[in-house]
Every structure is written in structure tokens, then in C-alpha cells.
Amino acid sequence: MDTEMVVGMSHDWTADLWDWPLQQDTVIRTVNTKERFEVALDAKGFRPNEIEIKCLGHELWVHCKHEQTEDSYGSIRREFHRAYHLPEDVDTSTLKSHLRRDGTLLIEAKKIA
């Protein structure tokens, strides 16, 4: 039986950084070589504490949720889920993620030798 694992995330955000996106979130790129697997997602508009990344077996789950906020123009709530089946030669114990200042969420792992 596979054990669910939470993938920790590093980031270089500061508390005063906030950029509201003008486009929908998309996959920016995927890299799958003999040495590594990498996926980069557009997570603009989400803070590090609004992003959860989990791995169960070779299924990678990304959940981003921005709680509802209200102002004089109305209310806003954003959320998305992504699921990826990782290649069988990905070493899931090496999974790590990083949220860059530009809003790119990078998830990477080494391959089994």
C-alpha cells in the first residue's frame, strides 16, 4: 500500500509581495529526462501557504486555494487542482518544490538510477 507524502515547499516571497494574474493558470513546461523530472506551473496569485502538494505512490497532486476576499467591487475566490501520474522511474522520495517570486511553482525529482 502506498503512503501519502506531503511535499514541502521553499519560496522566496516576501510578505508585501502580491501580484494579481490577468490570465488563467497553465502548465508552463514539463521536463522528463533520464536524470530528472520537472513540472512548472503558473501559480500567480497564490501565496505559499495557499498551495498544498502531495504525492501518493506515483500520483502527484497540487491544490491551490485563495480564500474568498471582499472589497467594494465584489468578492473573489480562486482555486485549482492538478494531478499528474509520475513516470515509474521517478524517485518520489526526492520530490521538492519551490515557488518563485514570478509565481512559477517548480516541482522536481530525481530519477532512479
PDB file of N, CA and C in Angstrom:
ATOM      1  N   MET A   1       0.845  -1.185   0.000  1.00  0.00           N
ATOM      2  CA  MET A   1       0.000   0.000   0.000  1.00  0.00           C
ATOM      3  C   MET A   1       0.888   1.245   0.000  1.00  0.00           C
ATOM      4  N   ASP A   2       0.560   2.203  -0.831  1.00  0.00           N
ATOM      5  CA  ASP A   2       1.324   3.443  -0.920  1.00  0.00           C
ATOM      6  C   ASP A   2       0.959   4.380   0.226  1.00  0.00           C
ATOM      7  N   THR A   3       1.941   5.109   0.697  1.00  0.00           N
ATOM      8  CA  THR A   3       1.752   6.073   1.774  1.00  0.00           C
ATOM      9  C   THR A   3       1.706   7.476   1.194  1.00  0.00           C
ATOM     10  N   GLU A   4       0.720   8.263   1.618  1.00  0.00           N
ATOM     11  CA  GLU A   4       0.638   9.645   1.161  1.00  0.00           C
ATOM     12  C   GLU A   4       1.759  10.453   1.781  1.00  0.00           C
ATOM     13  N   MET A   5       2.377  11.293   0.966  1.00  0.00           N
ATOM     14  CA  MET A   5       3.509  12.099   1.413  1.00  0.00           C
ATOM     15  C   MET A   5       3.242  13.548   1.048  1.00  0.00           C
ATOM     16  N   VAL A   6       3.426  14.449   1.996  1.00  0.00           N
ATOM     17  CA  VAL A   6       3.313  15.879   1.724  1.00  0.00           C
ATOM     18  C   VAL A   6       4.675  16.367   1.262  1.00  0.00           C
ATOM     19  N   VAL A   7       4.705  17.088   0.142  1.00  0.00           N
ATOM     20  CA  VAL A   7       5.944  17.613  -0.409  1.00  0.00           C
ATOM     21  C   VAL A   7       6.125  19.031   0.103  1.00  0.00           C
ATOM     22  N   GLY A   8       7.190  19.277   0.841  1.00  0.00           N
ATOM     23  CA  GLY A   8       7.462  20.610   1.376  1.00  0.00           C
ATOM     24  C   GLY A   8       7.789  21.590   0.260  1.00  0.00           C
ATOM     25  N   MET A   9       7.607  22.874   0.518  1.00  0.00           N
ATOM     26  CA  MET A   9       7.846  23.893  -0.500  1.00  0.00           C
ATOM     27  C   MET A   9       8.704  25.003   0.078  1.00  0.00           C
ATOM     28  N   SER A  10       9.740  25.365  -0.653  1.00  0.00           N
ATOM     29  CA  SER A  10      10.513  26.552  -0.301  1.00  0.00           C
ATOM     30  C   SER A  10       9.987  27.705  -1.149  1.00  0.00           C
ATOM     31  N   HIS A  11      10.312  28.930  -0.773  1.00  0.00           N
ATOM     32  CA  HIS A  11       9.845  30.078  -1.552  1.00  0.00           C
ATOM     33  C   HIS A  11      10.718  31.282  -1.271  1.00  0.00           C
ATOM     34  N   ASP A  12      10.666  32.232  -2.200  1.00  0.00           N
ATOM     35  CA  ASP A  12      11.402  33.475  -2.000  1.00  0.00           C
ATOM     36  C   ASP A  12      10.453  34.666  -2.033  1.00  0.00           C
ATOM     37  N   TRP A  13       9.276  34.462  -1.472  1.00  0.00           N
ATOM     38  CA  TRP A  13       8.278  35.516  -1.363  1.00  0.00           C
ATOM     39  C   TRP A  13       8.563  36.356  -0.134  1.00  0.00           C
ATOM     40  N   THR A  14       8.123  37.604  -0.191  1.00  0.00           N
ATOM     41  CA  THR A  14       8.120  38.445   0.994  1.00  0.00           C
ATOM     42  C   THR A  14       6.671  38.759   1.317  1.00  0.00           C
ATOM     43  N   ALA A  15       6.404  39.141   2.531  1.00  0.00           N
ATOM     44  CA  ALA A  15       5.024  39.362   2.965  1.00  0.00           C
ATOM     45  C   ALA A  15       4.319  40.453   2.170  1.00  0.00           C
ATOM     46  N   ASP A  16       5.060  41.402   1.622  1.00  0.00           N
ATOM     47  CA  ASP A  16       4.421  42.507   0.912  1.00  0.00           C
ATOM     48  C   ASP A  16       4.259  42.246  -0.588  1.00  0.00           C
ATOM     49  N   LEU A  17       4.667  41.064  -1.053  1.00  0.00           N
ATOM     50  CA  LEU A  17       4.580  40.759  -2.482  1.00  0.00           C
ATOM     51  C   LEU A  17       3.191  40.237  -2.825  1.00  0.00           C
ATOM     52  N   TRP A  18       2.554  40.844  -3.812  1.00  0.00           N
ATOM     53  CA  TRP A  18       1.244  40.389  -4.267  1.00  0.00           C
ATOM     54  C   TRP A  18       1.045  40.852  -5.694  1.00  0.00           C
ATOM     55  N   ASP A  19       0.718  39.934  -6.562  1.00  0.00           N
ATOM     56  CA  ASP A  19       0.515  40.252  -7.968  1.00  0.00           C
ATOM     57  C   ASP A  19      -0.706  39.496  -8.445  1.00  0.00           C
ATOM     58  N   TRP A  20      -1.741  40.193  -8.843  1.00  0.00           N
ATOM     59  CA  TRP A  20      -2.961  39.530  -9.291  1.00  0.00           C
ATOM     60  C   TRP A  20      -2.826  39.171 -10.768  1.00  0.00           C
ATOM     61  N   PRO A  21      -3.041  37.895 -11.133  1.00  0.00           N
ATOM     62  CA  PRO A  21      -2.843  37.483 -12.529  1.00  0.00           C
ATOM     63  C   PRO A  21      -3.956  37.973 -13.447  1.00  0.00           C
ATOM     64  N   LEU A  22      -3.610  38.196 -14.690  1.00  0.00           N
ATOM     65  CA  LEU A  22      -4.578  38.600 -15.705  1.00  0.00           C
ATOM     66  C   LEU A  22      -4.874  37.469 -16.674  1.00  0.00           C
ATOM     67  N   GLN A  23      -4.360  36.290 -16.401  1.00  0.00           N
ATOM     68  CA  GLN A  23      -4.593  35.150 -17.279  1.00  0.00           C
ATOM     69  C   GLN A  23      -4.879  33.922 -16.436  1.00  0.00           C
ATOM     70  N   GLN A  24      -5.359  32.852 -17.098  1.00  0.00           N
ATOM     71  CA  GLN A  24      -5.643  31.620 -16.381  1.00  0.00           C
ATOM     72  C   GLN A  24      -4.346  30.884 -16.072  1.00  0.00           C
ATOM     73  N   ASP A  25      -4.387  30.060 -15.018  1.00  0.00           N
ATOM     74  CA  ASP A  25      -3.198  29.286 -14.670  1.00  0.00           C
ATOM     75  C   ASP A  25      -2.987  28.164 -15.688  1.00  0.00           C
ATOM     76  N   THR A  26      -1.733  27.914 -16.036  1.00  0.00           N
ATOM     77  CA  THR A  26      -1.406  26.905 -17.035  1.00  0.00           C
ATOM     78  C   THR A  26      -0.103  26.216 -16.671  1.00  0.00           C
ATOM     79  N   VAL A  27       0.106  25.062 -17.296  1.00  0.00           N
ATOM     80  CA  VAL A  27       1.400  24.407 -17.191  1.00  0.00           C
ATOM     81  C   VAL A  27       2.360  25.185 -18.067  1.00  0.00           C
ATOM     82  N   ILE A  28       3.483  25.581 -17.507  1.00  0.00           N
ATOM     83  CA  ILE A  28       4.472  26.327 -18.267  1.00  0.00           C
ATOM     84  C   ILE A  28       5.366  25.368 -19.028  1.00  0.00           C
ATOM     85  N   ARG A  29       5.848  24.315 -18.343  1.00  0.00           N
ATOM     86  CA  ARG A  29       6.677  23.331 -19.035  1.00  0.00           C
ATOM     87  C   ARG A  29       6.779  22.058 -18.202  1.00  0.00           C
ATOM     88  N   THR A  30       7.114  20.972 -18.893  1.00  0.00           N
ATOM     89  CA  THR A  30       7.402  19.696 -18.256  1.00  0.00           C
ATOM     90  C   THR A  30       8.703  19.173 -18.836  1.00  0.00           C
ATOM     91  N   VAL A  31       9.590  18.690 -17.978  1.00  0.00           N
ATOM     92  CA  VAL A  31      10.865  18.120 -18.402  1.00  0.00           C
ATOM     93  C   VAL A  31      10.914  16.690 -17.884  1.00  0.00           C
ATOM     94  N   ASN A  32      11.243  15.743 -18.754  1.00  0.00           N
ATOM     95  CA  ASN A  32      11.344  14.345 -18.358  1.00  0.00           C
ATOM     96  C   ASN A  32      12.558  13.745 -19.055  1.00  0.00           C
ATOM     97  N   THR A  33      13.706  13.756 -18.359  1.00  0.00           N
ATOM     98  CA  THR A  33      14.943  13.216 -18.919  1.00  0.00           C
ATOM     99  C   THR A  33      15.344  11.962 -18.142  1.00  0.00           C
ATOM    100  N   LYS A  34      16.471  11.372 -18.500  1.00  0.00           N
ATOM    101  CA  LYS A  34      16.972  10.192 -17.782  1.00  0.00           C
ATOM    102  C   LYS A  34      17.359  10.531 -16.351  1.00  0.00           C
ATOM    103  N   GLU A  35      17.734  11.781 -16.117  1.00  0.00           N
ATOM    104  CA  GLU A  35      18.227  12.189 -14.805  1.00  0.00           C
ATOM    105  C   GLU A  35      17.173  12.813 -13.895  1.00  0.00           C
ATOM    106  N   ARG A  36      16.157  13.482 -14.481  1.00  0.00           N
ATOM    107  CA  ARG A  36      15.211  14.213 -13.628  1.00  0.00           C
ATOM    108  C   ARG A  36      13.842  14.375 -14.288  1.00  0.00           C
ATOM    109  N   PHE A  37      12.856  14.648 -13.427  1.00  0.00           N
ATOM    110  CA  PHE A  37      11.503  15.011 -13.855  1.00  0.00           C
ATOM    111  C   PHE A  37      11.215  16.378 -13.249  1.00  0.00           C
ATOM    112  N   GLU A  38      10.587  17.252 -14.033  1.00  0.00           N
ATOM    113  CA  GLU A  38      10.272  18.596 -13.548  1.00  0.00           C
ATOM    114  C   GLU A  38       8.983  19.072 -14.203  1.00  0.00           C
ATOM    115  N   VAL A  39       8.137  19.712 -13.423  1.00  0.00           N
ATOM    116  CA  VAL A  39       6.958  20.378 -13.960  1.00  0.00           C
ATOM    117  C   VAL A  39       6.918  21.777 -13.362  1.00  0.00           C
ATOM    118  N   ALA A  40       6.613  22.754 -14.193  1.00  0.00           N
ATOM    119  CA  ALA A  40       6.492  24.140 -13.744  1.00  0.00           C
ATOM    120  C   ALA A  40       5.065  24.597 -14.019  1.00  0.00           C
ATOM    121  N   LEU A  41       4.419  25.155 -13.014  1.00  0.00           N
ATOM    122  CA  LEU A  41       3.036  25.629 -13.110  1.00  0.00           C
ATOM    123  C   LEU A  41       2.973  27.121 -12.853  1.00  0.00           C
ATOM    124  N   ASP A  42       2.017  27.764 -13.489  1.00  0.00           N
ATOM    125  CA  ASP A  42       1.752  29.171 -13.218  1.00  0.00           C
ATOM    126  C   ASP A  42       0.842  29.242 -11.997  1.00  0.00           C
ATOM    127  N   ALA A  43       1.387  29.679 -10.874  1.00  0.00           N
ATOM    128  CA  ALA A  43       0.621  29.782  -9.631  1.00  0.00           C
ATOM    129  C   ALA A  43       0.543  31.233  -9.170  1.00  0.00           C
ATOM    130  N   LYS A  44       0.554  32.157 -10.121  1.00  0.00           N
ATOM    131  CA  LYS A  44       0.438  33.579  -9.770  1.00  0.00           C
ATOM    132  C   LYS A  44      -0.857  33.801  -8.991  1.00  0.00           C
ATOM    133  N   GLY A  45      -0.789  34.667  -8.024  1.00  0.00           N
ATOM    134  CA  GLY A  45      -1.983  34.982  -7.251  1.00  0.00           C
ATOM    135  C   GLY A  45      -2.157  34.104  -6.028  1.00  0.00           C
ATOM    136  N   PHE A  46      -1.286  33.097  -5.864  1.00  0.00           N
ATOM    137  CA  PHE A  46      -1.355  32.236  -4.691  1.00  0.00           C
ATOM    138  C   PHE A  46      -0.110  32.443  -3.846  1.00  0.00           C
ATOM    139  N   ARG A  47      -0.315  32.531  -2.549  1.00  0.00           N
ATOM    140  CA  ARG A  47       0.802  32.662  -1.610  1.00  0.00           C
ATOM    141  C   ARG A  47       1.271  31.261  -1.209  1.00  0.00           C
ATOM    142  N   PRO A  48       2.477  31.148  -0.670  1.00  0.00           N
ATOM    143  CA  PRO A  48       2.987  29.822  -0.299  1.00  0.00           C
ATOM    144  C   PRO A  48       2.056  29.037   0.624  1.00  0.00           C
ATOM    145  N   ASN A  49       1.407  29.706   1.568  1.00  0.00           N
ATOM    146  CA  ASN A  49       0.516  28.998   2.490  1.00  0.00           C
ATOM    147  C   ASN A  49      -0.818  28.627   1.851  1.00  0.00           C
ATOM    148  N   GLU A  50      -1.048  28.996   0.602  1.00  0.00           N
ATOM    149  CA  GLU A  50      -2.280  28.645  -0.112  1.00  0.00           C
ATOM    150  C   GLU A  50      -2.046  27.504  -1.103  1.00  0.00           C
ATOM    151  N   ILE A  51      -0.861  26.903  -1.067  1.00  0.00           N
ATOM    152  CA  ILE A  51      -0.501  25.841  -2.002  1.00  0.00           C
ATOM    153  C   ILE A  51      -0.175  24.579  -1.220  1.00  0.00           C
ATOM    154  N   GLU A  52      -0.791  23.460  -1.626  1.00  0.00           N
ATOM    155  CA  GLU A  52      -0.531  22.168  -1.000  1.00  0.00           C
ATOM    156  C   GLU A  52      -0.129  21.180  -2.089  1.00  0.00           C
ATOM    157  N   ILE A  53       0.955  20.458  -1.854  1.00  0.00           N
ATOM    158  CA  ILE A  53       1.457  19.483  -2.817  1.00  0.00           C
ATOM    159  C   ILE A  53       1.591  18.153  -2.092  1.00  0.00           C
ATOM    160  N   LYS A  54       0.985  17.103  -2.651  1.00  0.00           N
ATOM    161  CA  LYS A  54       1.039  15.776  -2.048  1.00  0.00           C
ATOM    162  C   LYS A  54       1.399  14.751  -3.110  1.00  0.00           C
ATOM    163  N   CYS A  55       1.945  13.640  -2.639  1.00  0.00           N
ATOM    164  CA  CYS A  55       2.272  12.539  -3.534  1.00  0.00           C
ATOM    165  C   CYS A  55       1.794  11.248  -2.881  1.00  0.00           C
ATOM    166  N   LEU A  56       1.038  10.447  -3.616  1.00  0.00           N
ATOM    167  CA  LEU A  56       0.580   9.136  -3.170  1.00  0.00           C
ATOM    168  C   LEU A  56       1.009   8.145  -4.231  1.00  0.00           C
ATOM    169  N   GLY A  57       1.979   7.306  -3.896  1.00  0.00           N
ATOM    170  CA  GLY A  57       2.538   6.417  -4.911  1.00  0.00           C
ATOM    171  C   GLY A  57       3.218   7.255  -5.974  1.00  0.00           C
ATOM    172  N   HIS A  58       2.767   7.124  -7.204  1.00  0.00           N
ATOM    173  CA  HIS A  58       3.309   7.934  -8.301  1.00  0.00           C
ATOM    174  C   HIS A  58       2.285   8.949  -8.809  1.00  0.00           C
ATOM    175  N   GLU A  59       1.321   9.305  -7.954  1.00  0.00           N
ATOM    176  CA  GLU A  59       0.355  10.350  -8.276  1.00  0.00           C
ATOM    177  C   GLU A  59       0.741  11.617  -7.519  1.00  0.00           C
ATOM    178  N   LEU A  60       0.960  12.688  -8.246  1.00  0.00           N
ATOM    179  CA  LEU A  60       1.316  13.981  -7.665  1.00  0.00           C
ATOM    180  C   LEU A  60       0.094  14.880  -7.735  1.00  0.00           C
ATOM    181  N   TRP A  61      -0.291  15.460  -6.602  1.00  0.00           N
ATOM    182  CA  TRP A  61      -1.455  16.334  -6.528  1.00  0.00           C
ATOM    183  C   TRP A  61      -1.031  17.726  -6.108  1.00  0.00           C
ATOM    184  N   VAL A  62      -1.539  18.721  -6.819  1.00  0.00           N
ATOM    185  CA  VAL A  62      -1.281  20.122  -6.495  1.00  0.00           C
ATOM    186  C   VAL A  62      -2.636  20.791  -6.279  1.00  0.00           C
ATOM    187  N   HIS A  63      -2.804  21.437  -5.133  1.00  0.00           N
ATOM    188  CA  HIS A  63      -4.053  22.130  -4.813  1.00  0.00           C
ATOM    189  C   HIS A  63      -3.706  23.551  -4.383  1.00  0.00           C
ATOM    190  N   CYS A  64      -4.231  24.521  -5.099  1.00  0.00           N
ATOM    191  CA  CYS A  64      -4.030  25.936  -4.765  1.00  0.00           C
ATOM    192  C   CYS A  64      -5.392  26.547  -4.466  1.00  0.00           C
ATOM    193  N   LYS A  65      -5.495  27.227  -3.335  1.00  0.00           N
ATOM    194  CA  LYS A  65      -6.784  27.808  -2.946  1.00  0.00           C
ATOM    195  C   LYS A  65      -6.563  29.159  -2.290  1.00  0.00           C
ATOM    196  N   HIS A  66      -7.171  30.178  -2.884  1.00  0.00           N
ATOM    197  CA  HIS A  66      -7.153  31.540  -2.353  1.00  0.00           C
ATOM    198  C   HIS A  66      -8.537  31.784  -1.774  1.00  0.00           C
ATOM    199  N   GLU A  67      -8.617  31.909  -0.465  1.00  0.00           N
ATOM    200  CA  GLU A  67      -9.913  32.086   0.200  1.00  0.00           C
ATOM    201  C   GLU A  67     -10.624  33.340  -0.302  1.00  0.00           C
ATOM    202  N   GLN A  68     -11.913  33.338  -0.164  1.00  0.00           N
ATOM    203  CA  GLN A  68     -12.729  34.452  -0.633  1.00  0.00           C
ATOM    204  C   GLN A  68     -12.370  35.739   0.091  1.00  0.00           C
ATOM    205  N   THR A  69     -12.170  36.787  -0.695  1.00  0.00           N
ATOM    206  CA  THR A  69     -11.943  38.123  -0.147  1.00  0.00           C
ATOM    207  C   THR A  69     -12.982  39.056  -0.750  1.00  0.00           C
ATOM    208  N   GLU A  70     -13.336  40.060  -0.011  1.00  0.00           N
ATOM    209  CA  GLU A  70     -14.339  41.006  -0.486  1.00  0.00           C
ATOM    210  C   GLU A  70     -13.794  42.422  -0.407  1.00  0.00           C
ATOM    211  N   ASP A  71     -14.191  43.220  -1.387  1.00  0.00           N
ATOM    212  CA  ASP A  71     -13.869  44.640  -1.361  1.00  0.00           C
ATOM    213  C   ASP A  71     -15.068  45.392  -1.923  1.00  0.00           C
ATOM    214  N   SER A  72     -14.912  46.654  -2.224  1.00  0.00           N
ATOM    215  CA  SER A  72     -16.041  47.463  -2.694  1.00  0.00           C
ATOM    216  C   SER A  72     -16.534  47.033  -4.075  1.00  0.00           C
ATOM    217  N   TYR A  73     -15.752  46.237  -4.802  1.00  0.00           N
ATOM    218  CA  TYR A  73     -16.139  45.792  -6.145  1.00  0.00           C
ATOM    219  C   TYR A  73     -16.802  44.425  -6.157  1.00  0.00           C
ATOM    220  N   GLY A  74     -16.732  43.699  -5.062  1.00  0.00           N
ATOM    221  CA  GLY A  74     -17.328  42.369  -5.004  1.00  0.00           C
ATOM    222  C   GLY A  74     -16.428  41.407  -4.248  1.00  0.00           C
ATOM    223  N   SER A  75     -16.574  40.128  -4.556  1.00  0.00           N
ATOM    224  CA  SER A  75     -15.766  39.123  -3.869  1.00  0.00           C
ATOM    225  C   SER A  75     -15.008  38.272  -4.887  1.00  0.00           C
ATOM    226  N   ILE A  76     -13.897  37.721  -4.426  1.00  0.00           N
ATOM    227  CA  ILE A  76     -13.036  36.916  -5.285  1.00  0.00           C
ATOM    228  C   ILE A  76     -12.630  35.664  -4.522  1.00  0.00           C
ATOM    229  N   ARG A  77     -12.703  34.522  -5.208  1.00  0.00           N
ATOM    230  CA  ARG A  77     -12.229  33.253  -4.662  1.00  0.00           C
ATOM    231  C   ARG A  77     -11.618  32.475  -5.812  1.00  0.00           C
ATOM    232  N   ARG A  78     -10.401  31.981  -5.636  1.00  0.00           N
ATOM    233  CA  ARG A  78      -9.721  31.244  -6.700  1.00  0.00           C
ATOM    234  C   ARG A  78      -9.244  29.908  -6.154  1.00  0.00           C
ATOM    235  N   GLU A  79      -9.335  28.878  -7.004  1.00  0.00           N
ATOM    236  CA  GLU A  79      -8.895  27.547  -6.596  1.00  0.00           C
ATOM    237  C   GLU A  79      -8.636  26.714  -7.839  1.00  0.00           C
ATOM    238  N   PHE A  80      -7.581  25.896  -7.794  1.00  0.00           N
ATOM    239  CA  PHE A  80      -7.389  24.916  -8.856  1.00  0.00           C
ATOM    240  C   PHE A  80      -6.690  23.680  -8.318  1.00  0.00           C
ATOM    241  N   HIS A  81      -6.940  22.572  -8.997  1.00  0.00           N
ATOM    242  CA  HIS A  81      -6.337  21.285  -8.679  1.00  0.00           C
ATOM    243  C   HIS A  81      -5.631  20.781  -9.927  1.00  0.00           C
ATOM    244  N   ARG A  82      -4.489  20.160  -9.741  1.00  0.00           N
ATOM    245  CA  ARG A  82      -3.787  19.487 -10.827  1.00  0.00           C
ATOM    246  C   ARG A  82      -3.359  18.123 -10.296  1.00  0.00           C
ATOM    247  N   ALA A  83      -3.418  17.123 -11.147  1.00  0.00           N
ATOM    248  CA  ALA A  83      -2.947  15.786 -10.788  1.00  0.00           C
ATOM    249  C   ALA A  83      -2.072  15.277 -11.926  1.00  0.00           C
ATOM    250  N   TYR A  84      -0.955  14.675 -11.564  1.00  0.00           N
ATOM    251  CA  TYR A  84      -0.013  14.144 -12.547  1.00  0.00           C
ATOM    252  C   TYR A  84       0.337  12.715 -12.172  1.00  0.00           C
ATOM    253  N   HIS A  85       0.377  11.837 -13.162  1.00  0.00           N
ATOM    254  CA  HIS A  85       0.917  10.500 -12.944  1.00  0.00           C
ATOM    255  C   HIS A  85       2.398  10.579 -13.262  1.00  0.00           C
ATOM    256  N   LEU A  86       3.220  10.393 -12.250  1.00  0.00           N
ATOM    257  CA  LEU A  86       4.660  10.488 -12.428  1.00  0.00           C
ATOM    258  C   LEU A  86       5.187   9.240 -13.132  1.00  0.00           C
ATOM    259  N   PRO A  87       6.194   9.398 -13.973  1.00  0.00           N
ATOM    260  CA  PRO A  87       6.816   8.227 -14.600  1.00  0.00           C
ATOM    261  C   PRO A  87       7.312   7.253 -13.523  1.00  0.00           C
ATOM    262  N   GLU A  88       7.297   5.963 -13.827  1.00  0.00           N
ATOM    263  CA  GLU A  88       7.667   4.944 -12.848  1.00  0.00           C
ATOM    264  C   GLU A  88       9.108   5.065 -12.367  1.00  0.00           C
ATOM    265  N   ASP A  89       9.991   5.690 -13.164  1.00  0.00           N
ATOM    266  CA  ASP A  89      11.394   5.800 -12.756  1.00  0.00           C
ATOM    267  C   ASP A  89      11.694   7.067 -11.951  1.00  0.00           C
ATOM    268  N   VAL A  90      10.658   7.797 -11.533  1.00  0.00           N
ATOM    269  CA  VAL A  90      10.853   8.969 -10.673  1.00  0.00           C
ATOM    270  C   VAL A  90      11.029   8.493  -9.231  1.00  0.00           C
ATOM    271  N   ASP A  91      12.059   8.978  -8.574  1.00  0.00           N
ATOM    272  CA  ASP A  91      12.303   8.684  -7.163  1.00  0.00           C
ATOM    273  C   ASP A  91      11.482   9.680  -6.342  1.00  0.00           C
ATOM    274  N   THR A  92      10.296   9.263  -5.911  1.00  0.00           N
ATOM    275  CA  THR A  92       9.375  10.182  -5.230  1.00  0.00           C
ATOM    276  C   THR A  92       9.931  10.699  -3.904  1.00  0.00           C
ATOM    277  N   SER A  93      10.900   9.998  -3.322  1.00  0.00           N
ATOM    278  CA  SER A  93      11.484  10.482  -2.065  1.00  0.00           C
ATOM    279  C   SER A  93      12.339  11.731  -2.278  1.00  0.00           C
ATOM    280  N   THR A  94      12.654  12.059  -3.539  1.00  0.00           N
ATOM    281  CA  THR A  94      13.460  13.253  -3.828  1.00  0.00           C
ATOM    282  C   THR A  94      12.609  14.427  -4.303  1.00  0.00           C
ATOM    283  N   LEU A  95      11.283  14.282  -4.282  1.00  0.00           N
ATOM    284  CA  LEU A  95      10.406  15.374  -4.721  1.00  0.00           C
ATOM    285  C   LEU A  95      10.631  16.617  -3.872  1.00  0.00           C
ATOM    286  N   LYS A  96      10.731  17.749  -4.533  1.00  0.00           N
ATOM    287  CA  LYS A  96      10.796  19.030  -3.833  1.00  0.00           C
ATOM    288  C   LYS A  96      10.127  20.075  -4.714  1.00  0.00           C
ATOM    289  N   SER A  97       9.706  21.159  -4.091  1.00  0.00           N
ATOM    290  CA  SER A  97       9.035  22.216  -4.845  1.00  0.00           C
ATOM    291  C   SER A  97       9.543  23.569  -4.384  1.00  0.00           C
ATOM    292  N   HIS A  98       9.388  24.545  -5.266  1.00  0.00           N
ATOM    293  CA  HIS A  98       9.824  25.905  -4.957  1.00  0.00           C
ATOM    294  C   HIS A  98       8.904  26.882  -5.681  1.00  0.00           C
ATOM    295  N   LEU A  99       8.385  27.861  -4.953  1.00  0.00           N
ATOM    296  CA  LEU A  99       7.553  28.914  -5.532  1.00  0.00           C
ATOM    297  C   LEU A  99       8.433  30.128  -5.774  1.00  0.00           C
ATOM    298  N   ARG A 100       8.638  30.456  -7.042  1.00  0.00           N
ATOM    299  CA  ARG A 100       9.483  31.596  -7.386  1.00  0.00           C
ATOM    300  C   ARG A 100       8.696  32.899  -7.247  1.00  0.00           C
ATOM    301  N   ARG A 101       9.430  34.012  -7.155  1.00  0.00           N
ATOM    302  CA  ARG A 101       8.805  35.334  -6.997  1.00  0.00           C
ATOM    303  C   ARG A 101       7.879  35.686  -8.152  1.00  0.00           C
ATOM    304  N   ASP A 102       8.144  35.142  -9.351  1.00  0.00           N
ATOM    305  CA  ASP A 102       7.293  35.446 -10.502  1.00  0.00           C
ATOM    306  C   ASP A 102       6.013  34.616 -10.524  1.00  0.00           C
ATOM    307  N   GLY A 103       5.793  33.771  -9.501  1.00  0.00           N
ATOM    308  CA  GLY A 103       4.577  32.968  -9.416  1.00  0.00           C
ATOM    309  C   GLY A 103       4.698  31.593 -10.039  1.00  0.00           C
ATOM    310  N   THR A 104       5.881  31.225 -10.517  1.00  0.00           N
ATOM    311  CA  THR A 104       6.083  29.900 -11.088  1.00  0.00           C
ATOM    312  C   THR A 104       6.322  28.901  -9.961  1.00  0.00           C
ATOM    313  N   LEU A 105       5.517  27.848  -9.934  1.00  0.00           N
ATOM    314  CA  LEU A 105       5.688  26.766  -8.974  1.00  0.00           C
ATOM    315  C   LEU A 105       6.462  25.660  -9.672  1.00  0.00           C
ATOM    316  N   LEU A 106       7.650  25.376  -9.188  1.00  0.00           N
ATOM    317  CA  LEU A 106       8.525  24.374  -9.784  1.00  0.00           C
ATOM    318  C   LEU A 106       8.536  23.137  -8.891  1.00  0.00           C
ATOM    319  N   ILE A 107       8.195  21.981  -9.466  1.00  0.00           N
ATOM    320  CA  ILE A 107       8.210  20.712  -8.739  1.00  0.00           C
ATOM    321  C   ILE A 107       9.176  19.797  -9.476  1.00  0.00           C
ATOM    322  N   GLU A 108      10.129  19.223  -8.740  1.00  0.00           N
ATOM    323  CA  GLU A 108      11.133  18.396  -9.406  1.00  0.00           C
ATOM    324  C   GLU A 108      11.514  17.199  -8.552  1.00  0.00           C
ATOM    325  N   ALA A 109      12.051  16.174  -9.234  1.00  0.00           N
ATOM    326  CA  ALA A 109      12.528  14.967  -8.565  1.00  0.00           C
ATOM    327  C   ALA A 109      13.611  14.331  -9.419  1.00  0.00           C
ATOM    328  N   LYS A 110      14.455  13.561  -8.753  1.00  0.00           N
ATOM    329  CA  LYS A 110      15.488  12.810  -9.461  1.00  0.00           C
ATOM    330  C   LYS A 110      14.889  11.507  -9.977  1.00  0.00           C
ATOM    331  N   LYS A 111      15.567  10.908 -10.939  1.00  0.00           N
ATOM    332  CA  LYS A 111      15.161   9.609 -11.461  1.00  0.00           C
ATOM    333  C   LYS A 111      15.929   8.506 -10.727  1.00  0.00           C
ATOM    334  N   ILE A 112      15.354   7.319 -10.688  1.00  0.00           N
ATOM    335  CA  ILE A 112      16.014   6.160 -10.102  1.00  0.00           C
ATOM    336  C   ILE A 112      17.120   5.726 -11.053  1.00  0.00           C
ATOM    337  N   ALA A 113      18.309   5.524 -10.503  1.00  0.00           N
ATOM    338  CA  ALA A 113      19.463   5.171 -11.357  1.00  0.00           C
ATOM    339  C   ALA A 113      19.386   3.738 -11.839  1.00  0.00           C
TER     340      ALA A 113
END
